[in-house]
C-alpha atoms as a PDB file:
ATOM      1  CA  MET A   1      29.419 -56.436  43.993  1.00  0.00           C
ATOM      2  CA  PHE A   2      28.960 -58.883  41.636  1.00  0.00           C
ATOM      3  CA  ALA A   3      28.615 -58.211  37.516  1.00  0.00           C
ATOM      4  CA  GLU A   4      27.054 -59.666  34.928  1.00  0.00           C
ATOM      5  CA  LEU A   5      27.553 -59.007  31.218  1.00  0.00           C
ATOM      6  CA  THR A   6      25.658 -61.062  28.259  1.00  0.00           C
ATOM      7  CA  SER A   7      24.833 -59.886  24.967  1.00  0.00           C
ATOM      8  CA  GLY A   8      20.999 -60.787  23.485  1.00  0.00           C
ATOM      9  CA  GLY A   9      21.571 -59.945  19.895  1.00  0.00           C
ATOM     10  CA  ASP A  10      22.175 -56.227  18.889  1.00  0.00           C
ATOM     11  CA  GLU A  11      21.235 -55.926  22.341  1.00  0.00           C
ATOM     12  CA  GLN A  12      23.478 -55.965  25.320  1.00  0.00           C
ATOM     13  CA  ASN A  13      22.690 -57.421  29.173  1.00  0.00           C
ATOM     14  CA  LEU A  14      25.003 -56.349  32.934  1.00  0.00           C
ATOM     15  CA  LYS A  15      23.204 -57.655  35.583  1.00  0.00           C
ATOM     16  CA  LEU A  16      25.054 -56.261  38.849  1.00  0.00           C
ATOM     17  CA  VAL A  17      24.549 -57.932  42.005  1.00  0.00           C
ATOM     18  CA  PHE A  18      24.957 -55.922  45.873  1.00  0.00           C
ATOM     19  CA  ALA A  19      24.280 -57.299  49.197  1.00  0.00           C
ATOM     20  CA  ALA A  20      20.600 -56.006  48.778  1.00  0.00           C
ATOM     21  CA  HIS A  21      19.530 -54.638  45.172  1.00  0.00           C
ATOM     22  CA  GLU A  22      20.113 -55.923  41.846  1.00  0.00           C
ATOM     23  CA  VAL A  23      20.435 -54.008  39.565  1.00  0.00           C
ATOM     24  CA  SER A  24      19.123 -55.234  35.251  1.00  0.00           C
ATOM     25  CA  ILE A  25      20.624 -53.088  33.075  1.00  0.00           C
ATOM     26  CA  ARG A  26      19.193 -53.125  29.529  1.00  0.00           C
ATOM     27  CA  GLY A  27      21.515 -51.360  26.191  1.00  0.00           C
ATOM     28  CA  HIS A  28      24.580 -51.134  24.386  1.00  0.00           C
ATOM     29  CA  TYR A  29      27.556 -50.391  24.868  1.00  0.00           C
ATOM     30  CA  LEU A  30      27.252 -51.218  28.897  1.00  0.00           C
ATOM     31  CA  ARG A  31      31.179 -52.536  28.813  1.00  0.00           C
ATOM     32  CA  ARG A  32      31.762 -49.134  29.679  1.00  0.00           C
ATOM     33  CA  ILE A  33      29.239 -49.015  32.128  1.00  0.00           C
ATOM     34  CA  GLU A  34      30.777 -52.506  33.763  1.00  0.00           C
ATOM     35  CA  THR A  35      34.065 -50.838  33.527  1.00  0.00           C
ATOM     36  CA  VAL A  36      33.163 -47.661  36.395  1.00  0.00           C
ATOM     37  CA  MET A  37      31.079 -49.771  37.975  1.00  0.00           C
ATOM     38  CA  GLN A  38      33.162 -52.637  39.514  1.00  0.00           C
ATOM     39  CA  ARG A  39      35.783 -49.008  39.667  1.00  0.00           C
ATOM     40  CA  MET A  40      33.337 -47.334  41.698  1.00  0.00           C
ATOM     41  CA  GLU A  41      33.491 -44.476  39.648  1.00  0.00           C
ATOM     42  CA  LEU A  42      30.005 -44.223  38.534  1.00  0.00           C
ATOM     43  CA  SER A  43      27.966 -41.592  40.755  1.00  0.00           C
ATOM     44  CA  LEU A  44      24.525 -41.467  38.506  1.00  0.00           C
ATOM     45  CA  LEU A  45      22.441 -43.942  36.004  1.00  0.00           C
ATOM     46  CA  THR A  46      20.464 -43.765  34.154  1.00  0.00           C
ATOM     47  CA  LYS A  47      17.991 -45.052  31.373  1.00  0.00           C
ATOM     48  CA  LEU A  48      17.362 -42.063  28.264  1.00  0.00           C
ATOM     49  CA  PRO A  49      15.346 -41.353  26.443  1.00  0.00           C
ATOM     50  CA  SER A  50      13.904 -42.558  23.633  1.00  0.00           C
ATOM     51  CA  SER A  51      14.002 -38.656  21.728  1.00  0.00           C
ATOM     52  CA  GLN A  52      17.663 -38.237  23.047  1.00  0.00           C
ATOM     53  CA  ARG A  53      18.441 -41.481  22.207  1.00  0.00           C
ATOM     54  CA  ASN A  54      20.255 -39.690  18.006  1.00  0.00           C
ATOM     55  CA  LEU A  55      22.342 -37.522  19.949  1.00  0.00           C
ATOM     56  CA  ILE A  56      24.412 -40.526  21.214  1.00  0.00           C
ATOM     57  CA  THR A  57      28.001 -41.250  18.879  1.00  0.00           C
ATOM     58  CA  GLU A  58      28.043 -44.261  18.028  1.00  0.00           C
ATOM     59  CA  GLY A  59      29.800 -47.051  20.149  1.00  0.00           C
ATOM     60  CA  GLN A  60      28.222 -44.417  23.493  1.00  0.00           C
ATOM     61  CA  PRO A  61      26.541 -46.583  26.005  1.00  0.00           C
ATOM     62  CA  VAL A  62      23.514 -46.265  25.711  1.00  0.00           C
ATOM     63  CA  ILE A  63      20.603 -47.291  28.470  1.00  0.00           C
ATOM     64  CA  LEU A  64      16.906 -48.391  27.129  1.00  0.00           C
ATOM     65  CA  GLU A  65      16.013 -49.928  31.064  1.00  0.00           C
ATOM     66  CA  ILE A  66      16.735 -50.440  34.327  1.00  0.00           C
ATOM     67  CA  VAL A  67      15.305 -52.931  37.118  1.00  0.00           C
ATOM     68  CA  VAL A  68      15.973 -52.823  39.890  1.00  0.00           C
ATOM     69  CA  THR A  69      15.309 -55.475  42.801  1.00  0.00           C
ATOM     70  CA  GLU A  70      15.778 -57.269  45.494  1.00  0.00           C
ATOM     71  CA  VAL A  71      17.922 -59.635  46.943  1.00  0.00           C
ATOM     72  CA  GLU A  72      16.121 -62.100  49.276  1.00  0.00           C
ATOM     73  CA  SER A  73      18.039 -62.406  52.398  1.00  0.00           C
ATOM     74  CA  GLN A  74      19.692 -65.871  52.365  1.00  0.00           C
ATOM     75  CA  PRO A  75      18.641 -67.398  56.793  1.00  0.00           C
ATOM     76  CA  ASN A  76      21.665 -67.085  59.171  1.00  0.00           C
ATOM     77  CA  ARG A  77      24.395 -70.045  58.738  1.00  0.00           C
ATOM     78  CA  VAL A  78      24.506 -71.978  61.600  1.00  0.00           C
ATOM     79  CA  GLU A  79      27.494 -72.952  61.541  1.00  0.00           C
ATOM     80  CA  ASN A  80      28.343 -76.733  64.262  1.00  0.00           C
ATOM     81  CA  LYS A  81      30.425 -76.467  66.577  1.00  0.00           C
ATOM     82  CA  SER A  82      31.550 -79.795  68.067  1.00  0.00           C
ATOM     83  CA  ARG A  83      33.290 -79.836  71.730  1.00  0.00           C
ATOM     84  CA  SER A  84      36.077 -82.260  72.388  1.00  0.00           C
ATOM     85  CA  LEU A  85      35.404 -84.870  75.641  1.00  0.00           C
ATOM     86  CA  SER A  86      37.562 -85.665  77.538  1.00  0.00           C
ATOM     87  CA  SER A  87      37.973 -88.708  79.774  1.00  0.00           C
END
């Protein structure tokens, strides 16, 4: 897994790239989510309904949006094998 965290204004974007999928997460305080994902310690990740956001204490991760896209498979690599010719 590859993870990239970027900030834009008061929101953060976390991109997680797996073998077959890319997950884009938009929210606040996402650094903690990046850390537990890299340690493989997270079993569930979900968007928080807007009606429940006031229950989260300051500094806790809040997910506003999750987008999952399929990664296009790369074409198979063809290795160029050279043969040595004997005289």
